[in-house]
């Protein structure tokens, strides 16, 4: 995992404002990142997946976490399956 570097421009347009982000993976035409976003005075966390096209990076998927309760439910659900990964 790497933090966003100054030469990278995260492909998110207004009215969303990128507060901070961490790149999870970037290569072979794909870029995934966790992004802290502010919009209309509210913050949320987005998990993004972009694909490189001739016109630039285009969003393929986005998953938003809006509150801590929602995140805890996701964590609990994922942790339940982790032992099955071997």
N, C-alpha and C. Protein backbone atom coordinates (compact mmCIF):
# COMPACT_ATOMS: atom_id res chain seq x y z
N UNK A 1 0.84 -1.17 0.00
CA UNK A 1 0.00 0.00 0.00
C UNK A 1 0.88 1.23 0.00
N UNK A 2 0.50 2.19 -0.81
CA UNK A 2 1.25 3.44 -0.85
C UNK A 2 0.30 4.61 -0.73
N UNK A 3 0.77 5.66 -0.13
CA UNK A 3 -0.03 6.88 -0.08
C UNK A 3 0.08 7.56 -1.43
N UNK A 4 -0.93 8.34 -1.75
CA UNK A 4 -0.91 9.06 -3.01
C UNK A 4 0.27 10.00 -3.09
N UNK A 5 0.95 10.00 -4.21
CA UNK A 5 2.08 10.89 -4.39
C UNK A 5 1.62 12.16 -5.11
N UNK A 6 2.38 13.24 -4.99
CA UNK A 6 1.95 14.52 -5.57
C UNK A 6 1.73 14.47 -7.08
N UNK A 7 2.46 13.62 -7.80
CA UNK A 7 2.28 13.59 -9.25
C UNK A 7 1.04 12.82 -9.68
N UNK A 8 0.45 12.04 -8.77
CA UNK A 8 -0.78 11.33 -9.08
C UNK A 8 -1.97 12.24 -8.86
N UNK A 9 -2.89 12.22 -9.80
CA UNK A 9 -4.14 12.95 -9.63
C UNK A 9 -5.25 11.92 -9.57
N UNK A 10 -5.85 11.80 -8.40
CA UNK A 10 -6.90 10.81 -8.22
C UNK A 10 -8.09 11.21 -9.10
N UNK A 11 -8.62 10.29 -9.89
CA UNK A 11 -9.66 10.63 -10.87
C UNK A 11 -11.06 10.71 -10.25
N UNK A 12 -11.26 11.70 -9.39
CA UNK A 12 -12.56 11.95 -8.77
C UNK A 12 -12.90 13.41 -9.03
N UNK A 13 -14.10 13.64 -9.52
CA UNK A 13 -14.51 14.98 -9.94
C UNK A 13 -15.41 15.65 -8.90
N UNK A 14 -15.48 17.00 -8.92
CA UNK A 14 -16.40 17.72 -8.06
C UNK A 14 -17.84 17.25 -8.32
N UNK A 15 -18.70 17.33 -7.34
CA UNK A 15 -18.57 18.04 -6.07
C UNK A 15 -17.82 17.25 -4.99
N UNK A 16 -17.33 16.06 -5.32
CA UNK A 16 -16.56 15.28 -4.34
C UNK A 16 -15.17 15.88 -4.18
N UNK A 17 -14.74 16.05 -2.93
CA UNK A 17 -13.42 16.58 -2.65
C UNK A 17 -12.60 15.48 -1.98
N UNK A 18 -11.46 15.18 -2.54
CA UNK A 18 -10.57 14.17 -1.97
C UNK A 18 -9.81 14.80 -0.80
N UNK A 19 -10.01 14.23 0.40
CA UNK A 19 -9.31 14.71 1.58
C UNK A 19 -7.96 14.00 1.68
N UNK A 20 -7.98 12.69 1.48
CA UNK A 20 -6.78 11.87 1.57
C UNK A 20 -7.09 10.54 0.89
N UNK A 21 -6.04 9.87 0.42
CA UNK A 21 -6.26 8.55 -0.15
C UNK A 21 -5.02 7.68 -0.03
N UNK A 22 -5.25 6.37 -0.14
CA UNK A 22 -4.18 5.40 -0.15
C UNK A 22 -4.40 4.47 -1.33
N UNK A 23 -3.39 4.38 -2.20
CA UNK A 23 -3.44 3.45 -3.31
C UNK A 23 -3.22 2.04 -2.79
N UNK A 24 -4.10 1.14 -3.16
CA UNK A 24 -3.97 -0.27 -2.78
C UNK A 24 -3.16 -1.00 -3.84
N UNK A 25 -3.50 -0.75 -5.11
CA UNK A 25 -2.82 -1.41 -6.22
C UNK A 25 -2.93 -0.53 -7.45
N UNK A 26 -1.84 -0.48 -8.22
CA UNK A 26 -1.87 0.28 -9.46
C UNK A 26 -0.92 -0.39 -10.44
N UNK A 27 -1.46 -0.88 -11.54
CA UNK A 27 -0.65 -1.52 -12.56
C UNK A 27 -1.50 -2.31 -13.53
N UNK A 28 -0.93 -2.60 -14.69
CA UNK A 28 -1.61 -3.38 -15.73
C UNK A 28 -2.95 -2.77 -16.11
N UNK A 29 -3.05 -1.44 -16.07
CA UNK A 29 -4.27 -0.75 -16.50
C UNK A 29 -5.36 -0.66 -15.45
N UNK A 30 -5.06 -1.02 -14.20
CA UNK A 30 -6.05 -0.96 -13.13
C UNK A 30 -5.47 -0.19 -11.95
N UNK A 31 -6.35 0.53 -11.24
CA UNK A 31 -5.94 1.30 -10.07
C UNK A 31 -7.03 1.15 -9.02
N UNK A 32 -6.66 0.70 -7.83
CA UNK A 32 -7.62 0.62 -6.73
C UNK A 32 -7.09 1.46 -5.57
N UNK A 33 -8.02 2.11 -4.86
CA UNK A 33 -7.63 2.99 -3.77
C UNK A 33 -8.76 3.12 -2.76
N UNK A 34 -8.38 3.44 -1.54
CA UNK A 34 -9.32 3.82 -0.49
C UNK A 34 -9.22 5.34 -0.37
N UNK A 35 -10.37 6.01 -0.44
CA UNK A 35 -10.37 7.47 -0.52
C UNK A 35 -11.29 8.06 0.55
N UNK A 36 -10.76 9.01 1.33
CA UNK A 36 -11.58 9.79 2.26
C UNK A 36 -12.11 10.97 1.46
N UNK A 37 -13.43 11.07 1.38
CA UNK A 37 -14.09 12.06 0.52
C UNK A 37 -14.96 12.98 1.37
N UNK A 38 -15.01 14.24 0.97
CA UNK A 38 -15.96 15.16 1.58
C UNK A 38 -16.86 15.72 0.49
N UNK A 39 -18.15 15.72 0.77
CA UNK A 39 -19.12 16.25 -0.18
C UNK A 39 -20.28 16.86 0.60
N UNK A 40 -20.59 18.11 0.30
CA UNK A 40 -21.69 18.82 0.94
C UNK A 40 -21.55 18.78 2.47
N UNK A 41 -20.32 18.90 2.97
CA UNK A 41 -20.08 18.97 4.40
C UNK A 41 -20.06 17.63 5.13
N UNK A 42 -20.19 16.53 4.40
CA UNK A 42 -20.17 15.20 5.02
C UNK A 42 -19.01 14.40 4.47
N UNK A 43 -18.39 13.62 5.35
CA UNK A 43 -17.28 12.77 4.92
C UNK A 43 -17.74 11.32 4.79
N UNK A 44 -17.12 10.61 3.86
CA UNK A 44 -17.35 9.19 3.69
C UNK A 44 -16.07 8.56 3.17
N UNK A 45 -16.02 7.25 3.20
CA UNK A 45 -14.87 6.52 2.69
C UNK A 45 -15.33 5.73 1.48
N UNK A 46 -14.57 5.85 0.40
CA UNK A 46 -14.91 5.12 -0.82
C UNK A 46 -13.80 4.15 -1.20
N UNK A 47 -14.18 2.97 -1.60
CA UNK A 47 -13.25 2.00 -2.17
C UNK A 47 -13.49 2.08 -3.68
N UNK A 48 -12.47 2.48 -4.42
CA UNK A 48 -12.60 2.73 -5.85
C UNK A 48 -11.77 1.75 -6.67
N UNK A 49 -12.27 1.46 -7.86
CA UNK A 49 -11.53 0.69 -8.85
C UNK A 49 -11.68 1.42 -10.18
N UNK A 50 -10.55 1.81 -10.77
CA UNK A 50 -10.56 2.48 -12.06
C UNK A 50 -9.83 1.62 -13.08
N UNK A 51 -10.20 1.82 -14.35
CA UNK A 51 -9.51 1.15 -15.46
C UNK A 51 -8.97 2.22 -16.39
N UNK A 52 -7.73 2.02 -16.85
CA UNK A 52 -7.10 2.97 -17.77
C UNK A 52 -7.68 2.76 -19.17
N UNK A 53 -8.12 3.84 -19.79
CA UNK A 53 -8.64 3.80 -21.16
C UNK A 53 -7.86 4.83 -21.97
N UNK A 54 -8.05 4.84 -23.28
CA UNK A 54 -7.38 5.87 -24.08
C UNK A 54 -7.74 7.30 -23.65
N UNK A 55 -8.89 7.48 -23.01
CA UNK A 55 -9.32 8.81 -22.56
C UNK A 55 -8.91 9.09 -21.11
N UNK A 56 -8.19 8.17 -20.48
CA UNK A 56 -7.76 8.36 -19.09
C UNK A 56 -8.39 7.33 -18.17
N UNK A 57 -8.26 7.56 -16.87
CA UNK A 57 -8.82 6.64 -15.89
C UNK A 57 -10.33 6.78 -15.83
N UNK A 58 -11.03 5.64 -15.88
CA UNK A 58 -12.49 5.62 -15.80
C UNK A 58 -12.91 4.71 -14.66
N UNK A 59 -13.84 5.20 -13.84
CA UNK A 59 -14.29 4.41 -12.70
C UNK A 59 -15.08 3.18 -13.16
N UNK A 60 -14.70 2.03 -12.61
CA UNK A 60 -15.41 0.78 -12.91
C UNK A 60 -16.29 0.37 -11.73
N UNK A 61 -15.80 0.61 -10.50
CA UNK A 61 -16.57 0.25 -9.31
C UNK A 61 -16.30 1.26 -8.20
N UNK A 62 -17.32 1.42 -7.34
CA UNK A 62 -17.19 2.28 -6.17
C UNK A 62 -18.04 1.67 -5.07
N UNK A 63 -17.48 1.62 -3.87
CA UNK A 63 -18.21 1.13 -2.70
C UNK A 63 -18.01 2.17 -1.61
N UNK A 64 -19.10 2.64 -1.02
CA UNK A 64 -19.02 3.73 -0.05
C UNK A 64 -19.38 3.27 1.35
N UNK A 65 -18.58 3.72 2.31
CA UNK A 65 -18.85 3.48 3.73
C UNK A 65 -19.19 4.83 4.33
N UNK A 66 -20.39 4.93 4.89
CA UNK A 66 -20.86 6.22 5.38
C UNK A 66 -20.78 6.40 6.89
N UNK A 67 -20.69 5.28 7.65
CA UNK A 67 -20.61 5.41 9.10
C UNK A 67 -19.90 4.21 9.71
N UNK A 68 -19.52 4.35 10.97
CA UNK A 68 -18.75 3.32 11.64
C UNK A 68 -19.56 2.04 11.82
N UNK A 69 -20.86 2.16 12.06
CA UNK A 69 -21.70 0.97 12.22
C UNK A 69 -21.72 0.13 10.96
N UNK A 70 -21.80 0.77 9.82
CA UNK A 70 -21.77 0.05 8.55
C UNK A 70 -20.44 -0.66 8.35
N UNK A 71 -19.35 0.02 8.70
CA UNK A 71 -18.02 -0.57 8.57
C UNK A 71 -17.88 -1.80 9.48
N UNK A 72 -18.35 -1.68 10.73
CA UNK A 72 -18.25 -2.80 11.66
C UNK A 72 -19.01 -4.02 11.16
N UNK A 73 -20.15 -3.81 10.53
CA UNK A 73 -20.91 -4.92 9.97
C UNK A 73 -20.14 -5.59 8.83
N UNK A 74 -19.47 -4.80 8.01
CA UNK A 74 -18.66 -5.34 6.91
C UNK A 74 -17.50 -6.15 7.48
N UNK A 75 -16.78 -5.59 8.46
CA UNK A 75 -15.63 -6.27 9.07
C UNK A 75 -16.06 -7.60 9.68
N UNK A 76 -17.14 -7.60 10.44
CA UNK A 76 -17.62 -8.83 11.07
C UNK A 76 -17.96 -9.88 10.02
N UNK A 77 -18.60 -9.47 8.96
CA UNK A 77 -18.98 -10.41 7.91
C UNK A 77 -17.77 -10.99 7.19
N UNK A 78 -16.78 -10.16 6.90
CA UNK A 78 -15.57 -10.63 6.22
C UNK A 78 -14.77 -11.55 7.13
N UNK A 79 -14.61 -11.16 8.40
CA UNK A 79 -13.83 -11.97 9.34
C UNK A 79 -14.41 -13.36 9.52
N UNK A 80 -15.71 -13.48 9.39
CA UNK A 80 -16.37 -14.78 9.50
C UNK A 80 -15.87 -15.75 8.41
N UNK A 81 -15.53 -15.23 7.23
CA UNK A 81 -15.11 -16.07 6.12
C UNK A 81 -13.59 -16.25 6.03
N UNK A 82 -12.81 -15.43 6.72
CA UNK A 82 -11.35 -15.49 6.62
C UNK A 82 -10.77 -16.87 6.91
N UNK A 83 -11.24 -17.60 7.91
CA UNK A 83 -10.67 -18.93 8.17
C UNK A 83 -10.82 -19.90 6.99
N UNK A 84 -11.77 -19.67 6.14
CA UNK A 84 -12.00 -20.55 4.99
C UNK A 84 -10.99 -20.32 3.85
N UNK A 85 -10.18 -19.27 3.96
CA UNK A 85 -9.21 -18.99 2.91
C UNK A 85 -7.98 -19.89 2.99
N UNK A 86 -7.85 -20.60 4.09
CA UNK A 86 -6.77 -21.57 4.19
C UNK A 86 -5.58 -21.04 4.81
